[in-house]
Amino acid sequence: MTQALAAFNDHGLVLATDSRATRFDTAGRPEFFNVEKLFPLDSCCAILSGGAGVSVPLAQAFRRDMARRRGMLDPEEIAAFAQAFLSRGYERHLRQHGPEPEGFRRLYFILAGYSPDSPPPGFQLFLLGSEENELPLRPMPVADLVVMPRNLGMEMQLSQALRKGAALAEMLQMSKEFLEKIAAVKEEVGPPFYFATITPEGFRPVTL
């Protein structure tokens, strides 16, 4: 299970995720390993994958496809294209491999970006997801923050920080502390953690 979050205000957009993934040995026992789940799509957009393990190769495939499609820079266009692309990829995966093990069938993608043509402050978040292998991936409503899986306490903290105009550094630190807290109580969440910001100057990985 991935623990991820994203949020934005006038200062910019932050993204944060853990890197632990789960696979099963021949006896059906879970094994944990680390993978990167946060990828830039262009200079001002990124995708964060979570849930079932297939989410990572699907996000990587979408990133490669985006690299061949120059000129489509609007986050809303990218999100619409991602819904179709990722749904097709997930459908192929299910056709070839069958359903994921019970309890590991949630799949989601957070898409984040900046466009000067969007209403101020120009940042946008999109959440695409599937529960129990449903197809196609469906858009889920989000505003200026998303925490997946949901955590009402963290959502409230982020919302308060956004309302008071918190700096990106403060939101990143909040994200780090939250991931550390979740990792301490859930073995399927763990370091290293990945962080990034998106501002009008573009996507930037951050080391904390």
C-alpha atoms as a PDB file:
ATOM      1  CA  MET A   1       0.000   0.000   0.000  1.00  0.00           C
ATOM      2  CA  THR A   2       1.262   3.444  -0.890  1.00  0.00           C
ATOM      3  CA  GLN A   3       0.782   6.427   1.385  1.00  0.00           C
ATOM      4  CA  ALA A   4       0.730   9.574  -0.706  1.00  0.00           C
ATOM      5  CA  LEU A   5      -0.385  13.162  -0.510  1.00  0.00           C
ATOM      6  CA  ALA A   6      -0.481  16.324  -2.583  1.00  0.00           C
ATOM      7  CA  ALA A   7      -1.612  19.874  -1.839  1.00  0.00           C
ATOM      8  CA  PHE A   8      -1.284  23.373  -3.236  1.00  0.00           C
ATOM      9  CA  ASN A   9      -1.788  27.030  -2.378  1.00  0.00           C
ATOM     10  CA  ASP A  10      -0.535  30.292  -3.854  1.00  0.00           C
ATOM     11  CA  HIS A  11       3.077  29.346  -3.118  1.00  0.00           C
ATOM     12  CA  GLY A  12       3.025  26.139  -5.126  1.00  0.00           C
ATOM     13  CA  LEU A  13       2.213  22.456  -5.011  1.00  0.00           C
ATOM     14  CA  VAL A  14       3.830  19.717  -2.908  1.00  0.00           C
ATOM     15  CA  LEU A  15       3.869  15.961  -3.531  1.00  0.00           C
ATOM     16  CA  ALA A  16       5.005  13.278  -1.094  1.00  0.00           C
ATOM     17  CA  THR A  17       5.022   9.483  -1.043  1.00  0.00           C
ATOM     18  CA  ASP A  18       6.665   6.475   0.525  1.00  0.00           C
ATOM     19  CA  SER A  19       8.454   3.859  -1.587  1.00  0.00           C
ATOM     20  CA  ARG A  20       7.446   0.496  -0.143  1.00  0.00           C
ATOM     21  CA  ALA A  21       5.787  -2.066  -2.399  1.00  0.00           C
ATOM     22  CA  THR A  22       4.494  -5.583  -1.802  1.00  0.00           C
ATOM     23  CA  ARG A  23       4.806  -8.779  -3.796  1.00  0.00           C
ATOM     24  CA  PHE A  24       3.901 -12.357  -2.902  1.00  0.00           C
ATOM     25  CA  ASP A  25       6.120 -15.432  -2.948  1.00  0.00           C
ATOM     26  CA  THR A  26       4.980 -18.812  -4.241  1.00  0.00           C
ATOM     27  CA  ALA A  27       3.443 -19.619  -0.872  1.00  0.00           C
ATOM     28  CA  GLY A  28       1.418 -16.399  -0.926  1.00  0.00           C
ATOM     29  CA  ARG A  29       3.491 -14.675   1.753  1.00  0.00           C
ATOM     30  CA  PRO A  30       4.026 -10.920   1.312  1.00  0.00           C
ATOM     31  CA  GLU A  31       7.529  -9.620   0.564  1.00  0.00           C
ATOM     32  CA  PHE A  32       8.385  -5.933   0.786  1.00  0.00           C
ATOM     33  CA  PHE A  33      10.713  -3.966  -1.482  1.00  0.00           C
ATOM     34  CA  ASN A  34      11.235  -0.347  -2.506  1.00  0.00           C
ATOM     35  CA  VAL A  35      10.235   1.374  -5.735  1.00  0.00           C
ATOM     36  CA  GLU A  36       9.996   4.974  -6.882  1.00  0.00           C
ATOM     37  CA  LYS A  37       6.380   6.056  -7.374  1.00  0.00           C
ATOM     38  CA  LEU A  38       6.659   9.773  -8.213  1.00  0.00           C
ATOM     39  CA  PHE A  39       7.559  10.775 -11.772  1.00  0.00           C
ATOM     40  CA  PRO A  40       7.679  14.084 -13.664  1.00  0.00           C
ATOM     41  CA  LEU A  41       5.692  14.074 -16.899  1.00  0.00           C
ATOM     42  CA  ASP A  42       7.039  17.346 -18.259  1.00  0.00           C
ATOM     43  CA  SER A  43       8.509  20.517 -16.807  1.00  0.00           C
ATOM     44  CA  CYS A  44       5.339  21.389 -14.852  1.00  0.00           C
ATOM     45  CA  CYS A  45       3.372  18.152 -14.396  1.00  0.00           C
ATOM     46  CA  ALA A  46       3.881  14.919 -12.441  1.00  0.00           C
ATOM     47  CA  ILE A  47       2.206  11.602 -11.693  1.00  0.00           C
ATOM     48  CA  LEU A  48       2.193   9.695  -8.417  1.00  0.00           C
ATOM     49  CA  SER A  49       1.095   6.052  -8.433  1.00  0.00           C
ATOM     50  CA  GLY A  50      -0.363   4.021  -5.598  1.00  0.00           C
ATOM     51  CA  GLY A  51      -2.210   0.894  -4.631  1.00  0.00           C
ATOM     52  CA  ALA A  52      -1.721  -2.330  -6.577  1.00  0.00           C
ATOM     53  CA  GLY A  53       1.816  -3.011  -7.738  1.00  0.00           C
ATOM     54  CA  VAL A  54       0.921  -2.638 -11.414  1.00  0.00           C
ATOM     55  CA  SER A  55       0.389   1.089 -10.772  1.00  0.00           C
ATOM     56  CA  VAL A  56       4.151   1.727 -10.959  1.00  0.00           C
ATOM     57  CA  PRO A  57       4.830   0.199 -14.407  1.00  0.00           C
ATOM     58  CA  LEU A  58       1.648   1.819 -15.697  1.00  0.00           C
ATOM     59  CA  ALA A  59       2.839   5.233 -14.507  1.00  0.00           C
ATOM     60  CA  GLN A  60       6.260   4.617 -16.049  1.00  0.00           C
ATOM     61  CA  ALA A  61       4.667   3.623 -19.356  1.00  0.00           C
ATOM     62  CA  PHE A  62       2.536   6.756 -19.320  1.00  0.00           C
ATOM     63  CA  ARG A  63       5.623   8.869 -18.638  1.00  0.00           C
ATOM     64  CA  ARG A  64       7.395   7.331 -21.651  1.00  0.00           C
ATOM     65  CA  ASP A  65       4.354   7.912 -23.828  1.00  0.00           C
ATOM     66  CA  MET A  66       4.108  11.522 -22.682  1.00  0.00           C
ATOM     67  CA  ALA A  67       7.753  12.060 -23.624  1.00  0.00           C
ATOM     68  CA  ARG A  68       6.806  11.280 -27.225  1.00  0.00           C
ATOM     69  CA  ARG A  69       3.831  13.666 -27.222  1.00  0.00           C
ATOM     70  CA  ARG A  70       5.302  17.144 -27.254  1.00  0.00           C
ATOM     71  CA  GLY A  71       3.034  20.153 -26.894  1.00  0.00           C
ATOM     72  CA  MET A  72       0.307  18.704 -24.635  1.00  0.00           C
ATOM     73  CA  LEU A  73       1.187  20.656 -21.505  1.00  0.00           C
ATOM     74  CA  ASP A  74      -2.183  21.555 -19.974  1.00  0.00           C
ATOM     75  CA  PRO A  75      -2.763  19.499 -16.791  1.00  0.00           C
ATOM     76  CA  GLU A  76      -6.426  18.934 -17.602  1.00  0.00           C
ATOM     77  CA  GLU A  77      -5.561  17.537 -21.027  1.00  0.00           C
ATOM     78  CA  ILE A  78      -2.884  15.325 -19.502  1.00  0.00           C
ATOM     79  CA  ALA A  79      -5.335  13.989 -16.910  1.00  0.00           C
ATOM     80  CA  ALA A  80      -7.910  13.151 -19.587  1.00  0.00           C
ATOM     81  CA  PHE A  81      -5.307  11.381 -21.692  1.00  0.00           C
ATOM     82  CA  ALA A  82      -4.002   9.558 -18.598  1.00  0.00           C
ATOM     83  CA  GLN A  83      -7.457   8.201 -17.780  1.00  0.00           C
ATOM     84  CA  ALA A  84      -7.728   6.522 -21.177  1.00  0.00           C
ATOM     85  CA  PHE A  85      -4.091   5.355 -21.345  1.00  0.00           C
ATOM     86  CA  LEU A  86      -3.946   3.942 -17.818  1.00  0.00           C
ATOM     87  CA  SER A  87      -7.361   2.279 -18.122  1.00  0.00           C
ATOM     88  CA  ARG A  88      -6.214   0.441 -21.261  1.00  0.00           C
ATOM     89  CA  GLY A  89      -3.021  -0.620 -19.550  1.00  0.00           C
ATOM     90  CA  TYR A  90      -4.834  -1.869 -16.470  1.00  0.00           C
ATOM     91  CA  GLU A  91      -7.320  -3.755 -18.612  1.00  0.00           C
ATOM     92  CA  ARG A  92      -4.456  -5.543 -20.404  1.00  0.00           C
ATOM     93  CA  HIS A  93      -2.868  -6.403 -17.057  1.00  0.00           C
ATOM     94  CA  LEU A  94      -6.064  -7.918 -15.675  1.00  0.00           C
ATOM     95  CA  ARG A  95      -6.643  -9.862 -18.881  1.00  0.00           C
ATOM     96  CA  GLN A  96      -3.133 -11.348 -18.748  1.00  0.00           C
ATOM     97  CA  HIS A  97      -2.697 -11.877 -14.995  1.00  0.00           C
ATOM     98  CA  GLY A  98      -6.154 -11.924 -13.466  1.00  0.00           C
ATOM     99  CA  PRO A  99      -7.220  -9.970 -10.379  1.00  0.00           C
ATOM    100  CA  GLU A 100      -4.788  -8.888  -7.684  1.00  0.00           C
ATOM    101  CA  PRO A 101      -4.916 -10.732  -4.314  1.00  0.00           C
ATOM    102  CA  GLU A 102      -7.815  -9.809  -2.054  1.00  0.00           C
ATOM    103  CA  GLY A 103      -7.053  -6.577  -0.243  1.00  0.00           C
ATOM    104  CA  PHE A 104      -4.618  -5.362  -2.921  1.00  0.00           C
ATOM    105  CA  ARG A 105      -7.074  -4.372  -5.644  1.00  0.00           C
ATOM    106  CA  ARG A 106      -7.108  -0.623  -5.062  1.00  0.00           C
ATOM    107  CA  LEU A 107      -5.337   1.334  -7.779  1.00  0.00           C
ATOM    108  CA  TYR A 108      -4.967   5.101  -8.014  1.00  0.00           C
ATOM    109  CA  PHE A 109      -2.966   7.865  -9.633  1.00  0.00           C
ATOM    110  CA  ILE A 110      -2.509  11.465  -8.532  1.00  0.00           C
ATOM    111  CA  LEU A 111      -1.784  13.869 -11.376  1.00  0.00           C
ATOM    112  CA  ALA A 112      -0.533  17.321 -10.494  1.00  0.00           C
ATOM    113  CA  GLY A 113       0.450  20.290 -12.584  1.00  0.00           C
ATOM    114  CA  TYR A 114       0.716  23.992 -13.214  1.00  0.00           C
ATOM    115  CA  SER A 115      -0.540  26.006 -16.156  1.00  0.00           C
ATOM    116  CA  PRO A 116      -0.472  29.810 -16.464  1.00  0.00           C
ATOM    117  CA  ASP A 117      -3.753  29.512 -18.395  1.00  0.00           C
ATOM    118  CA  SER A 118      -5.569  27.891 -15.449  1.00  0.00           C
ATOM    119  CA  PRO A 119      -7.447  30.067 -12.927  1.00  0.00           C
ATOM    120  CA  PRO A 120      -5.130  31.492 -10.257  1.00  0.00           C
ATOM    121  CA  PRO A 121      -3.017  30.171  -8.670  1.00  0.00           C
ATOM    122  CA  GLY A 122      -2.704  27.930 -11.735  1.00  0.00           C
ATOM    123  CA  PHE A 123      -2.189  24.599  -9.941  1.00  0.00           C
ATOM    124  CA  GLN A 124      -4.402  21.573 -10.454  1.00  0.00           C
ATOM    125  CA  LEU A 125      -4.813  18.131  -8.896  1.00  0.00           C
ATOM    126  CA  PHE A 126      -6.556  15.108 -10.403  1.00  0.00           C
ATOM    127  CA  LEU A 127      -7.222  11.716  -8.836  1.00  0.00           C
ATOM    128  CA  LEU A 128      -7.941   8.622 -10.942  1.00  0.00           C
ATOM    129  CA  GLY A 129      -8.815   5.376  -9.222  1.00  0.00           C
ATOM    130  CA  SER A 130     -10.209   1.869  -9.353  1.00  0.00           C
ATOM    131  CA  GLU A 131     -11.636  -0.262  -6.563  1.00  0.00           C
ATOM    132  CA  GLU A 132     -11.937  -4.024  -6.947  1.00  0.00           C
ATOM    133  CA  ASN A 133     -10.609  -4.045 -10.543  1.00  0.00           C
ATOM    134  CA  GLU A 134     -13.314  -1.733 -11.883  1.00  0.00           C
ATOM    135  CA  LEU A 135     -12.733  -0.290 -15.346  1.00  0.00           C
ATOM    136  CA  PRO A 136     -12.276   2.285 -16.682  1.00  0.00           C
ATOM    137  CA  LEU A 137     -10.405   4.227 -14.030  1.00  0.00           C
ATOM    138  CA  ARG A 138     -12.737   6.888 -12.720  1.00  0.00           C
ATOM    139  CA  PRO A 139     -11.995  10.501 -11.823  1.00  0.00           C
ATOM    140  CA  MET A 140     -12.540  11.246  -8.137  1.00  0.00           C
ATOM    141  CA  PRO A 141     -13.329  14.783  -6.975  1.00  0.00           C
ATOM    142  CA  VAL A 142     -10.476  16.664  -5.306  1.00  0.00           C
ATOM    143  CA  ALA A 143      -9.855  20.344  -4.675  1.00  0.00           C
ATOM    144  CA  ASP A 144      -6.564  21.690  -3.331  1.00  0.00           C
ATOM    145  CA  LEU A 145      -5.421  18.554  -1.463  1.00  0.00           C
ATOM    146  CA  VAL A 146      -5.545  14.783  -1.593  1.00  0.00           C
ATOM    147  CA  VAL A 147      -4.351  12.166   0.895  1.00  0.00           C
ATOM    148  CA  MET A 148      -4.428   8.518  -0.263  1.00  0.00           C
ATOM    149  CA  PRO A 149      -5.378   6.359   1.479  1.00  0.00           C
ATOM    150  CA  ARG A 150      -7.504   8.947   3.196  1.00  0.00           C
ATOM    151  CA  ASN A 151      -6.460  10.180   6.618  1.00  0.00           C
ATOM    152  CA  LEU A 152      -8.887  12.704   8.045  1.00  0.00           C
ATOM    153  CA  GLY A 153      -6.417  14.010  10.611  1.00  0.00           C
ATOM    154  CA  MET A 154      -3.804  14.806   7.976  1.00  0.00           C
ATOM    155  CA  GLU A 155      -6.425  16.237   5.647  1.00  0.00           C
ATOM    156  CA  MET A 156      -7.503  18.627   8.395  1.00  0.00           C
ATOM    157  CA  GLN A 157      -3.910  19.659   9.157  1.00  0.00           C
ATOM    158  CA  LEU A 158      -3.167  20.278   5.500  1.00  0.00           C
ATOM    159  CA  SER A 159      -6.387  22.211   5.019  1.00  0.00           C
ATOM    160  CA  GLN A 160      -5.556  24.492   7.936  1.00  0.00           C
ATOM    161  CA  ALA A 161      -2.014  25.014   6.621  1.00  0.00           C
ATOM    162  CA  LEU A 162      -3.314  25.882   3.164  1.00  0.00           C
ATOM    163  CA  ARG A 163      -5.827  28.366   4.553  1.00  0.00           C
ATOM    164  CA  LYS A 164      -3.137  30.226   6.466  1.00  0.00           C
ATOM    165  CA  GLY A 165      -0.883  30.366   3.395  1.00  0.00           C
ATOM    166  CA  ALA A 166       1.823  27.998   4.642  1.00  0.00           C
ATOM    167  CA  ALA A 167       5.131  28.055   2.789  1.00  0.00           C
ATOM    168  CA  LEU A 168       6.123  25.030   0.716  1.00  0.00           C
ATOM    169  CA  ALA A 169       8.870  24.167   3.205  1.00  0.00           C
ATOM    170  CA  GLU A 170       6.297  23.932   6.001  1.00  0.00           C
ATOM    171  CA  MET A 171       3.998  21.688   3.984  1.00  0.00           C
ATOM    172  CA  LEU A 172       6.921  19.456   3.013  1.00  0.00           C
ATOM    173  CA  GLN A 173       7.933  19.083   6.644  1.00  0.00           C
ATOM    174  CA  MET A 174       4.349  18.237   7.598  1.00  0.00           C
ATOM    175  CA  SER A 175       4.334  15.603   4.851  1.00  0.00           C
ATOM    176  CA  LYS A 176       7.582  14.084   6.069  1.00  0.00           C
ATOM    177  CA  GLU A 177       6.374  13.838   9.659  1.00  0.00           C
ATOM    178  CA  PHE A 178       3.093  12.280   8.509  1.00  0.00           C
ATOM    179  CA  LEU A 179       4.848   9.626   6.397  1.00  0.00           C
ATOM    180  CA  GLU A 180       7.191   8.778   9.261  1.00  0.00           C
ATOM    181  CA  LYS A 181       4.215   8.404  11.604  1.00  0.00           C
ATOM    182  CA  ILE A 182       2.344   6.105   9.218  1.00  0.00           C
ATOM    183  CA  ALA A 183       5.472   4.042   8.508  1.00  0.00           C
ATOM    184  CA  ALA A 184       5.932   3.465  12.245  1.00  0.00           C
ATOM    185  CA  VAL A 185       2.582   1.680  12.528  1.00  0.00           C
ATOM    186  CA  LYS A 186       2.067   0.103   9.076  1.00  0.00           C
ATOM    187  CA  GLU A 187       4.641  -2.321   7.722  1.00  0.00           C
ATOM    188  CA  GLU A 188       3.407  -1.830   4.166  1.00  0.00           C
ATOM    189  CA  VAL A 189       4.485   1.847   4.278  1.00  0.00           C
ATOM    190  CA  GLY A 190       8.159   2.684   4.531  1.00  0.00           C
ATOM    191  CA  PRO A 191      11.151   4.827   3.543  1.00  0.00           C
ATOM    192  CA  PRO A 192      12.842   6.163   1.598  1.00  0.00           C
ATOM    193  CA  PHE A 193      10.298   8.911   1.140  1.00  0.00           C
ATOM    194  CA  TYR A 194      10.084  11.013  -2.008  1.00  0.00           C
ATOM    195  CA  PHE A 195       9.116  14.675  -2.160  1.00  0.00           C
ATOM    196  CA  ALA A 196       8.706  17.225  -4.936  1.00  0.00           C
ATOM    197  CA  THR A 197       7.319  20.681  -5.577  1.00  0.00           C
ATOM    198  CA  ILE A 198       5.678  22.239  -8.604  1.00  0.00           C
ATOM    199  CA  THR A 199       5.814  26.018  -9.004  1.00  0.00           C
ATOM    200  CA  PRO A 200       5.556  28.317 -12.041  1.00  0.00           C
ATOM    201  CA  GLU A 201       9.285  27.571 -12.455  1.00  0.00           C
ATOM    202  CA  GLY A 202       8.536  23.861 -12.842  1.00  0.00           C
ATOM    203  CA  PHE A 203       8.839  20.459 -11.179  1.00  0.00           C
ATOM    204  CA  ARG A 204      11.605  20.022  -8.624  1.00  0.00           C
ATOM    205  CA  PRO A 205      12.517  16.923  -6.565  1.00  0.00           C
ATOM    206  CA  VAL A 206      13.207  17.753  -2.918  1.00  0.00           C
ATOM    207  CA  THR A 207      15.440  15.946  -0.435  1.00  0.00           C
ATOM    208  CA  LEU A 208      14.453  16.273   3.232  1.00  0.00           C
END
